[in-house]
C-alpha cells in the first residue's frame, strides 16, 4: 500500500507540491487566529486540532510531493531571488 501511495505522489508535478505546501500557511494562521474569537474553550480546542492537523498534513504532503530535488529547486529559487534584489544572503 505504501509503495502505491509513493508511486502516485511521484507522478504529481512540482507546481502541485508547491501549491499543497503553500496551503499550510492559511491553516496555521486560522489555527491560531481562531483563539481570539469569543467561543468556548472546547470549541477552540477542536478548531485548533483540526486546522493545525490540516496544516501539518499539507506541509508534509507538499514536502513529500516535492521530494529532495524539488526542495532543492525551491530553495535555489529563493536564493536567486534574494540575489536579484541585492540582498547579500
PDB file of N, CA and C in Angstrom:
ATOM      1  N   UNK A   1       0.818  -1.187   0.000  1.00  0.00           N
ATOM      2  CA  UNK A   1       0.000   0.000   0.000  1.00  0.00           C
ATOM      3  C   UNK A   1       0.870   1.261   0.000  1.00  0.00           C
ATOM      4  N   UNK A   2       1.938   1.240   0.808  1.00  0.00           N
ATOM      5  CA  UNK A   2       2.821   2.402   0.889  1.00  0.00           C
ATOM      6  C   UNK A   2       3.488   2.674  -0.465  1.00  0.00           C
ATOM      7  N   UNK A   3       3.889   1.615  -1.151  1.00  0.00           N
ATOM      8  CA  UNK A   3       4.522   1.784  -2.469  1.00  0.00           C
ATOM      9  C   UNK A   3       3.549   2.388  -3.475  1.00  0.00           C
ATOM     10  N   UNK A   4       2.290   1.987  -3.389  1.00  0.00           N
ATOM     11  CA  UNK A   4       1.273   2.510  -4.293  1.00  0.00           C
ATOM     12  C   UNK A   4       1.082   4.014  -4.074  1.00  0.00           C
ATOM     13  N   UNK A   5       1.055   4.440  -2.812  1.00  0.00           N
ATOM     14  CA  UNK A   5       0.916   5.864  -2.487  1.00  0.00           C
ATOM     15  C   UNK A   5       2.142   6.633  -2.960  1.00  0.00           C
ATOM     16  N   UNK A   6       3.332   6.105  -2.705  1.00  0.00           N
ATOM     17  CA  UNK A   6       4.559   6.774  -3.144  1.00  0.00           C
ATOM     18  C   UNK A   6       4.617   6.899  -4.661  1.00  0.00           C
ATOM     19  N   UNK A   7       4.183   5.871  -5.367  1.00  0.00           N
ATOM     20  CA  UNK A   7       4.156   5.915  -6.829  1.00  0.00           C
ATOM     21  C   UNK A   7       3.191   6.993  -7.320  1.00  0.00           C
ATOM     22  N   UNK A   8       2.027   7.063  -6.683  1.00  0.00           N
ATOM     23  CA  UNK A   8       1.027   8.069  -7.065  1.00  0.00           C
ATOM     24  C   UNK A   8       1.543   9.480  -6.799  1.00  0.00           C
ATOM     25  N   UNK A   9       2.169   9.689  -5.634  1.00  0.00           N
ATOM     26  CA  UNK A   9       2.705  11.013  -5.294  1.00  0.00           C
ATOM     27  C   UNK A   9       3.847  11.415  -6.220  1.00  0.00           C
ATOM     28  N   UNK A  10       4.618  10.453  -6.672  1.00  0.00           N
ATOM     29  CA  UNK A  10       5.747  10.786  -7.537  1.00  0.00           C
ATOM     30  C   UNK A  10       5.304  11.256  -8.923  1.00  0.00           C
ATOM     31  N   UNK A  11       4.071  10.970  -9.296  1.00  0.00           N
ATOM     32  CA  UNK A  11       3.561  11.419 -10.591  1.00  0.00           C
ATOM     33  C   UNK A  11       3.009  12.841 -10.542  1.00  0.00           C
ATOM     34  N   UNK A  12       2.895  13.412  -9.349  1.00  0.00           N
ATOM     35  CA  UNK A  12       2.379  14.775  -9.231  1.00  0.00           C
ATOM     36  C   UNK A  12       3.498  15.772  -9.564  1.00  0.00           C
ATOM     37  N   UNK A  13       3.121  16.926 -10.062  1.00  0.00           N
ATOM     38  CA  UNK A  13       4.101  17.890 -10.551  1.00  0.00           C
ATOM     39  C   UNK A  13       4.703  18.732  -9.422  1.00  0.00           C
ATOM     40  N   UNK A  14       5.774  19.418  -9.773  1.00  0.00           N
ATOM     41  CA  UNK A  14       6.430  20.346  -8.858  1.00  0.00           C
ATOM     42  C   UNK A  14       5.458  21.431  -8.419  1.00  0.00           C
ATOM     43  N   UNK A  15       4.688  21.958  -9.372  1.00  0.00           N
ATOM     44  CA  UNK A  15       3.721  23.021  -9.081  1.00  0.00           C
ATOM     45  C   UNK A  15       2.665  22.544  -8.076  1.00  0.00           C
ATOM     46  N   UNK A  16       2.225  21.309  -8.210  1.00  0.00           N
ATOM     47  CA  UNK A  16       1.260  20.753  -7.269  1.00  0.00           C
ATOM     48  C   UNK A  16       1.867  20.678  -5.873  1.00  0.00           C
ATOM     49  N   UNK A  17       3.113  20.267  -5.782  1.00  0.00           N
ATOM     50  CA  UNK A  17       3.790  20.196  -4.483  1.00  0.00           C
ATOM     51  C   UNK A  17       3.906  21.549  -3.826  1.00  0.00           C
ATOM     52  N   UNK A  18       4.238  22.562  -4.615  1.00  0.00           N
ATOM     53  CA  UNK A  18       4.357  23.917  -4.060  1.00  0.00           C
ATOM     54  C   UNK A  18       2.988  24.409  -3.602  1.00  0.00           C
ATOM     55  N   UNK A  19       1.955  24.137  -4.390  1.00  0.00           N
ATOM     56  CA  UNK A  19       0.604  24.567  -4.017  1.00  0.00           C
ATOM     57  C   UNK A  19       0.151  23.913  -2.720  1.00  0.00           C
ATOM     58  N   UNK A  20       0.367  22.616  -2.605  1.00  0.00           N
ATOM     59  CA  UNK A  20      -0.012  21.910  -1.382  1.00  0.00           C
ATOM     60  C   UNK A  20       0.792  22.442  -0.206  1.00  0.00           C
ATOM     61  N   UNK A  21       2.060  22.709  -0.421  1.00  0.00           N
ATOM     62  CA  UNK A  21       2.904  23.252   0.643  1.00  0.00           C
ATOM     63  C   UNK A  21       2.422  24.630   1.085  1.00  0.00           C
ATOM     64  N   UNK A  22       2.002  25.463   0.143  1.00  0.00           N
ATOM     65  CA  UNK A  22       1.508  26.800   0.483  1.00  0.00           C
ATOM     66  C   UNK A  22       0.161  26.771   1.194  1.00  0.00           C
ATOM     67  N   UNK A  23      -0.607  25.712   1.021  1.00  0.00           N
ATOM     68  CA  UNK A  23      -1.888  25.608   1.704  1.00  0.00           C
ATOM     69  C   UNK A  23      -1.741  25.481   3.219  1.00  0.00           C
ATOM     70  N   UNK A  24      -0.557  25.115   3.675  1.00  0.00           N
ATOM     71  CA  UNK A  24      -0.371  25.000   5.123  1.00  0.00           C
ATOM     72  C   UNK A  24      -0.358  26.376   5.794  1.00  0.00           C
ATOM     73  N   UNK A  25       0.004  27.425   5.066  1.00  0.00           N
ATOM     74  CA  UNK A  25       0.093  28.762   5.667  1.00  0.00           C
ATOM     75  C   UNK A  25      -1.257  29.254   6.179  1.00  0.00           C
ATOM     76  N   UNK A  26      -2.329  29.247   5.340  1.00  0.00           N
ATOM     77  CA  UNK A  26      -3.610  29.702   5.894  1.00  0.00           C
ATOM     78  C   UNK A  26      -4.124  28.814   7.024  1.00  0.00           C
ATOM     79  N   UNK A  27      -3.824  27.527   6.963  1.00  0.00           N
ATOM     80  CA  UNK A  27      -4.275  26.641   8.039  1.00  0.00           C
ATOM     81  C   UNK A  27      -3.580  26.970   9.357  1.00  0.00           C
ATOM     82  N   UNK A  28      -2.278  27.273   9.309  1.00  0.00           N
ATOM     83  CA  UNK A  28      -1.584  27.692  10.524  1.00  0.00           C
ATOM     84  C   UNK A  28      -2.171  29.000  11.050  1.00  0.00           C
ATOM     85  N   UNK A  29      -2.439  29.938  10.169  1.00  0.00           N
ATOM     86  CA  UNK A  29      -2.997  31.227  10.582  1.00  0.00           C
ATOM     87  C   UNK A  29      -4.361  31.035  11.232  1.00  0.00           C
ATOM     88  N   UNK A  30      -5.216  30.248  10.595  1.00  0.00           N
ATOM     89  CA  UNK A  30      -6.548  30.010  11.151  1.00  0.00           C
ATOM     90  C   UNK A  30      -6.468  29.273  12.478  1.00  0.00           C
ATOM     91  N   UNK A  31      -5.551  28.317  12.595  1.00  0.00           N
ATOM     92  CA  UNK A  31      -5.475  27.530  13.826  1.00  0.00           C
ATOM     93  C   UNK A  31      -5.136  28.393  15.034  1.00  0.00           C
ATOM     94  N   UNK A  32      -4.350  29.432  14.830  1.00  0.00           N
ATOM     95  CA  UNK A  32      -4.011  30.295  15.964  1.00  0.00           C
ATOM     96  C   UNK A  32      -4.899  31.525  16.056  1.00  0.00           C
ATOM     97  N   UNK A  33      -5.379  32.045  14.936  1.00  0.00           N
ATOM     98  CA  UNK A  33      -6.214  33.244  14.956  1.00  0.00           C
ATOM     99  C   UNK A  33      -7.583  32.975  15.568  1.00  0.00           C
ATOM    100  N   UNK A  34      -8.086  31.767  15.445  1.00  0.00           N
ATOM    101  CA  UNK A  34      -9.399  31.468  15.998  1.00  0.00           C
ATOM    102  C   UNK A  34      -9.414  31.545  17.520  1.00  0.00           C
ATOM    103  N   UNK A  35      -8.240  31.563  18.149  1.00  0.00           N
ATOM    104  CA  UNK A  35      -8.176  31.689  19.610  1.00  0.00           C
ATOM    105  C   UNK A  35      -8.707  33.047  20.085  1.00  0.00           C
ATOM    106  N   UNK A  36      -8.687  34.037  19.206  1.00  0.00           N
ATOM    107  CA  UNK A  36      -9.167  35.371  19.578  1.00  0.00           C
ATOM    108  C   UNK A  36     -10.689  35.491  19.473  1.00  0.00           C
ATOM    109  N   UNK A  37     -11.354  34.502  18.911  1.00  0.00           N
ATOM    110  CA  UNK A  37     -12.803  34.563  18.752  1.00  0.00           C
ATOM    111  C   UNK A  37     -13.503  34.237  20.066  1.00  0.00           C
ATOM    112  N   UNK A  38     -14.682  34.837  20.289  1.00  0.00           N
ATOM    113  CA  UNK A  38     -15.409  34.591  21.544  1.00  0.00           C
ATOM    114  C   UNK A  38     -16.196  33.271  21.497  1.00  0.00           C
ATOM    115  N   UNK A  39     -15.510  32.174  21.744  1.00  0.00           N
ATOM    116  CA  UNK A  39     -16.141  30.846  21.769  1.00  0.00           C
ATOM    117  C   UNK A  39     -15.676  30.117  23.020  1.00  0.00           C
ATOM    118  N   UNK A  40     -16.313  28.997  23.284  1.00  0.00           N
ATOM    119  CA  UNK A  40     -15.909  28.214  24.447  1.00  0.00           C
ATOM    120  C   UNK A  40     -14.540  27.573  24.201  1.00  0.00           C
ATOM    121  N   UNK A  41     -13.898  27.210  25.279  1.00  0.00           N
ATOM    122  CA  UNK A  41     -12.561  26.605  25.193  1.00  0.00           C
ATOM    123  C   UNK A  41     -12.609  25.264  24.468  1.00  0.00           C
ATOM    124  N   UNK A  42     -13.695  24.526  24.621  1.00  0.00           N
ATOM    125  CA  UNK A  42     -13.806  23.224  23.962  1.00  0.00           C
ATOM    126  C   UNK A  42     -13.855  23.386  22.442  1.00  0.00           C
ATOM    127  N   UNK A  43     -14.640  24.346  21.969  1.00  0.00           N
ATOM    128  CA  UNK A  43     -14.738  24.581  20.525  1.00  0.00           C
ATOM    129  C   UNK A  43     -13.399  25.081  19.989  1.00  0.00           C
ATOM    130  N   UNK A  44     -12.751  25.974  20.723  1.00  0.00           N
ATOM    131  CA  UNK A  44     -11.440  26.474  20.295  1.00  0.00           C
ATOM    132  C   UNK A  44     -10.429  25.338  20.197  1.00  0.00           C
ATOM    133  N   UNK A  45     -10.478  24.424  21.145  1.00  0.00           N
ATOM    134  CA  UNK A  45      -9.551  23.292  21.131  1.00  0.00           C
ATOM    135  C   UNK A  45      -9.788  22.400  19.918  1.00  0.00           C
ATOM    136  N   UNK A  46     -11.041  22.132  19.626  1.00  0.00           N
ATOM    137  CA  UNK A  46     -11.367  21.285  18.470  1.00  0.00           C
ATOM    138  C   UNK A  46     -10.917  21.972  17.183  1.00  0.00           C
ATOM    139  N   UNK A  47     -11.219  23.265  17.053  1.00  0.00           N
ATOM    140  CA  UNK A  47     -10.808  24.004  15.851  1.00  0.00           C
ATOM    141  C   UNK A  47      -9.293  24.023  15.711  1.00  0.00           C
ATOM    142  N   UNK A  48      -8.585  24.203  16.831  1.00  0.00           N
ATOM    143  CA  UNK A  48      -7.133  24.230  16.778  1.00  0.00           C
ATOM    144  C   UNK A  48      -6.592  22.884  16.304  1.00  0.00           C
ATOM    145  N   UNK A  49      -7.114  21.799  16.858  1.00  0.00           N
ATOM    146  CA  UNK A  49      -6.649  20.465  16.467  1.00  0.00           C
ATOM    147  C   UNK A  49      -6.918  20.220  14.983  1.00  0.00           C
ATOM    148  N   UNK A  50      -8.102  20.593  14.522  1.00  0.00           N
ATOM    149  CA  UNK A  50      -8.458  20.355  13.117  1.00  0.00           C
ATOM    150  C   UNK A  50      -7.558  21.153  12.183  1.00  0.00           C
ATOM    151  N   UNK A  51      -7.445  22.467  12.419  1.00  0.00           N
ATOM    152  CA  UNK A  51      -6.675  23.301  11.494  1.00  0.00           C
ATOM    153  C   UNK A  51      -5.170  23.087  11.620  1.00  0.00           C
ATOM    154  N   UNK A  52      -4.681  22.814  12.826  1.00  0.00           N
ATOM    155  CA  UNK A  52      -3.263  22.527  12.978  1.00  0.00           C
ATOM    156  C   UNK A  52      -2.936  21.189  12.317  1.00  0.00           C
ATOM    157  N   UNK A  53      -3.838  20.226  12.453  1.00  0.00           N
ATOM    158  CA  UNK A  53      -3.648  18.939  11.783  1.00  0.00           C
ATOM    159  C   UNK A  53      -3.658  19.075  10.267  1.00  0.00           C
ATOM    160  N   UNK A  54      -4.572  19.902   9.750  1.00  0.00           N
ATOM    161  CA  UNK A  54      -4.589  20.152   8.306  1.00  0.00           C
ATOM    162  C   UNK A  54      -3.293  20.817   7.854  1.00  0.00           C
ATOM    163  N   UNK A  55      -2.814  21.772   8.645  1.00  0.00           N
ATOM    164  CA  UNK A  55      -1.568  22.465   8.291  1.00  0.00           C
ATOM    165  C   UNK A  55      -0.411  21.480   8.218  1.00  0.00           C
ATOM    166  N   UNK A  56      -0.301  20.615   9.198  1.00  0.00           N
ATOM    167  CA  UNK A  56       0.779  19.621   9.196  1.00  0.00           C
ATOM    168  C   UNK A  56       0.620  18.638   8.037  1.00  0.00           C
ATOM    169  N   UNK A  57      -0.615  18.259   7.739  1.00  0.00           N
ATOM    170  CA  UNK A  57      -0.866  17.350   6.625  1.00  0.00           C
ATOM    171  C   UNK A  57      -0.449  17.984   5.307  1.00  0.00           C
ATOM    172  N   UNK A  58      -0.839  19.242   5.094  1.00  0.00           N
ATOM    173  CA  UNK A  58      -0.430  19.942   3.877  1.00  0.00           C
ATOM    174  C   UNK A  58       1.088  20.112   3.826  1.00  0.00           C
ATOM    175  N   UNK A  59       1.690  20.417   4.962  1.00  0.00           N
ATOM    176  CA  UNK A  59       3.137  20.627   5.000  1.00  0.00           C
ATOM    177  C   UNK A  59       3.878  19.351   4.605  1.00  0.00           C
ATOM    178  N   UNK A  60       3.574  18.254   5.261  1.00  0.00           N
ATOM    179  CA  UNK A  60       4.281  17.011   4.972  1.00  0.00           C
ATOM    180  C   UNK A  60       3.888  16.447   3.612  1.00  0.00           C
ATOM    181  N   UNK A  61       2.629  16.639   3.214  1.00  0.00           N
ATOM    182  CA  UNK A  61       2.208  16.198   1.891  1.00  0.00           C
ATOM    183  C   UNK A  61       2.939  16.947   0.794  1.00  0.00           C
ATOM    184  N   UNK A  62       3.053  18.270   0.950  1.00  0.00           N
ATOM    185  CA  UNK A  62       3.772  19.075  -0.033  1.00  0.00           C
ATOM    186  C   UNK A  62       5.240  18.710  -0.113  1.00  0.00           C
ATOM    187  N   UNK A  63       5.852  18.493   1.033  1.00  0.00           N
ATOM    188  CA  UNK A  63       7.261  18.092   1.040  1.00  0.00           C
ATOM    189  C   UNK A  63       7.448  16.716   0.412  1.00  0.00           C
ATOM    190  N   UNK A  64       6.494  15.832   0.625  1.00  0.00           N
ATOM    191  CA  UNK A  64       6.576  14.504   0.025  1.00  0.00           C
ATOM    192  C   UNK A  64       6.447  14.579  -1.493  1.00  0.00           C
ATOM    193  N   UNK A  65       5.523  15.422  -1.964  1.00  0.00           N
ATOM    194  CA  UNK A  65       5.349  15.583  -3.405  1.00  0.00           C
ATOM    195  C   UNK A  65       6.587  16.214  -4.029  1.00  0.00           C
ATOM    196  N   UNK A  66       7.137  17.231  -3.361  1.00  0.00           N
ATOM    197  CA  UNK A  66       8.326  17.897  -3.893  1.00  0.00           C
ATOM    198  C   UNK A  66       9.522  16.960  -3.938  1.00  0.00           C
ATOM    199  N   UNK A  67       9.720  16.236  -2.872  1.00  0.00           N
ATOM    200  CA  UNK A  67      10.883  15.366  -2.791  1.00  0.00           C
ATOM    201  C   UNK A  67      12.148  16.180  -2.557  1.00  0.00           C
ATOM    202  N   UNK A  68      13.271  15.516  -2.518  1.00  0.00           N
ATOM    203  CA  UNK A  68      14.548  16.166  -2.244  1.00  0.00           C
ATOM    204  C   UNK A  68      14.920  17.127  -3.372  1.00  0.00           C
ATOM    205  N   UNK A  69      14.764  16.685  -4.615  1.00  0.00           N
ATOM    206  CA  UNK A  69      15.147  17.535  -5.746  1.00  0.00           C
ATOM    207  C   UNK A  69      14.257  18.772  -5.845  1.00  0.00           C
ATOM    208  N   UNK A  70      12.967  18.606  -5.596  1.00  0.00           N
ATOM    209  CA  UNK A  70      12.059  19.744  -5.636  1.00  0.00           C
ATOM    210  C   UNK A  70      12.339  20.736  -4.528  1.00  0.00           C
ATOM    211  N   UNK A  71      12.706  20.230  -3.338  1.00  0.00           N
ATOM    212  CA  UNK A  71      13.028  21.109  -2.220  1.00  0.00           C
ATOM    213  C   UNK A  71      14.283  21.917  -2.543  1.00  0.00           C
ATOM    214  N   UNK A  72      15.281  21.268  -3.137  1.00  0.00           N
ATOM    215  CA  UNK A  72      16.500  21.982  -3.545  1.00  0.00           C
ATOM    216  C   UNK A  72      16.177  23.034  -4.591  1.00  0.00           C
ATOM    217  N   UNK A  73      15.309  22.696  -5.528  1.00  0.00           N
ATOM    218  CA  UNK A  73      14.901  23.643  -6.573  1.00  0.00           C
ATOM    219  C   UNK A  73      14.184  24.848  -5.976  1.00  0.00           C
ATOM    220  N   UNK A  74      13.335  24.619  -4.985  1.00  0.00           N
ATOM    221  CA  UNK A  74      12.611  25.702  -4.332  1.00  0.00           C
ATOM    222  C   UNK A  74      13.559  26.602  -3.538  1.00  0.00           C
ATOM    223  N   UNK A  75      14.497  26.004  -2.819  1.00  0.00           N
ATOM    224  CA  UNK A  75      15.485  26.794  -2.075  1.00  0.00           C
ATOM    225  C   UNK A  75      16.352  27.607  -3.020  1.00  0.00           C
ATOM    226  N   UNK A  76      16.729  27.017  -4.144  1.00  0.00           N
ATOM    227  CA  UNK A  76      17.550  27.722  -5.124  1.00  0.00           C
ATOM    228  C   UNK A  76      16.791  28.917  -5.693  1.00  0.00           C
ATOM    229  N   UNK A  77      15.494  28.771  -5.922  1.00  0.00           N
ATOM    230  CA  UNK A  77      14.677  29.873  -6.425  1.00  0.00           C
ATOM    231  C   UNK A  77      14.714  31.048  -5.460  1.00  0.00           C
ATOM    232  N   UNK A  78      14.552  30.785  -4.164  1.00  0.00           N
ATOM    233  CA  UNK A  78      14.539  31.874  -3.189  1.00  0.00           C
ATOM    234  C   UNK A  78      15.927  32.484  -2.996  1.00  0.00           C
ATOM    235  N   UNK A  79      16.974  31.688  -3.127  1.00  0.00           N
ATOM    236  CA  UNK A  79      18.327  32.243  -3.046  1.00  0.00           C
ATOM    237  C   UNK A  79      18.589  33.195  -4.203  1.00  0.00           C
ATOM    238  N   UNK A  80      18.219  32.795  -5.404  1.00  0.00           N
ATOM    239  CA  UNK A  80      18.432  33.650  -6.575  1.00  0.00           C
ATOM    240  C   UNK A  80      17.563  34.895  -6.507  1.00  0.00           C
ATOM    241  N   UNK A  81      16.386  34.772  -5.922  1.00  0.00           N
ATOM    242  CA  UNK A  81      15.505  35.925  -5.785  1.00  0.00           C
ATOM    243  C   UNK A  81      16.139  36.965  -4.864  1.00  0.00           C
ATOM    244  N   UNK A  82      16.744  36.526  -3.773  1.00  0.00           N
ATOM    245  CA  UNK A  82      17.410  37.457  -2.857  1.00  0.00           C
ATOM    246  C   UNK A  82      18.612  38.114  -3.530  1.00  0.00           C
ATOM    247  N   UNK A  83      19.341  37.354  -4.332  1.00  0.00           N
ATOM    248  CA  UNK A  83      20.499  37.914  -5.030  1.00  0.00           C
ATOM    249  C   UNK A  83      20.069  38.962  -6.047  1.00  0.00           C
ATOM    250  N   UNK A  84      18.957  38.731  -6.712  1.00  0.00           N
ATOM    251  CA  UNK A  84      18.452  39.711  -7.691  1.00  0.00           C
ATOM    252  C   UNK A  84      18.006  40.996  -7.005  1.00  0.00           C
ATOM    253  N   UNK A  85      17.512  40.871  -5.766  1.00  0.00           N
ATOM    254  CA  UNK A  85      17.073  42.060  -5.037  1.00  0.00           C
ATOM    255  C   UNK A  85      18.233  42.804  -4.407  1.00  0.00           C
ATOM    256  N   UNK A  86      19.416  42.242  -4.454  1.00  0.00           N
ATOM    257  CA  UNK A  86      20.588  42.900  -3.906  1.00  0.00           C
ATOM    258  C   UNK A  86      20.921  42.521  -2.471  1.00  0.00           C
ATOM    259  N   UNK A  87      20.193  41.578  -1.906  1.00  0.00           N
ATOM    260  CA  UNK A  87      20.482  41.117  -0.553  1.00  0.00           C
ATOM    261  C   UNK A  87      21.670  40.171  -0.608  1.00  0.00           C
ATOM    262  N   UNK A  88      22.671  40.338   0.251  1.00  0.00           N
ATOM    263  CA  UNK A  88      23.877  39.511   0.167  1.00  0.00           C
ATOM    264  C   UNK A  88      23.664  38.062   0.613  1.00  0.00           C
ATOM    265  N   UNK A  89      22.538  37.682   1.142  1.00  0.00           N
ATOM    266  CA  UNK A  89      22.344  36.322   1.644  1.00  0.00           C
ATOM    267  C   UNK A  89      21.936  35.419   0.539  1.00  0.00           C
TER     268      UNK A  89
END
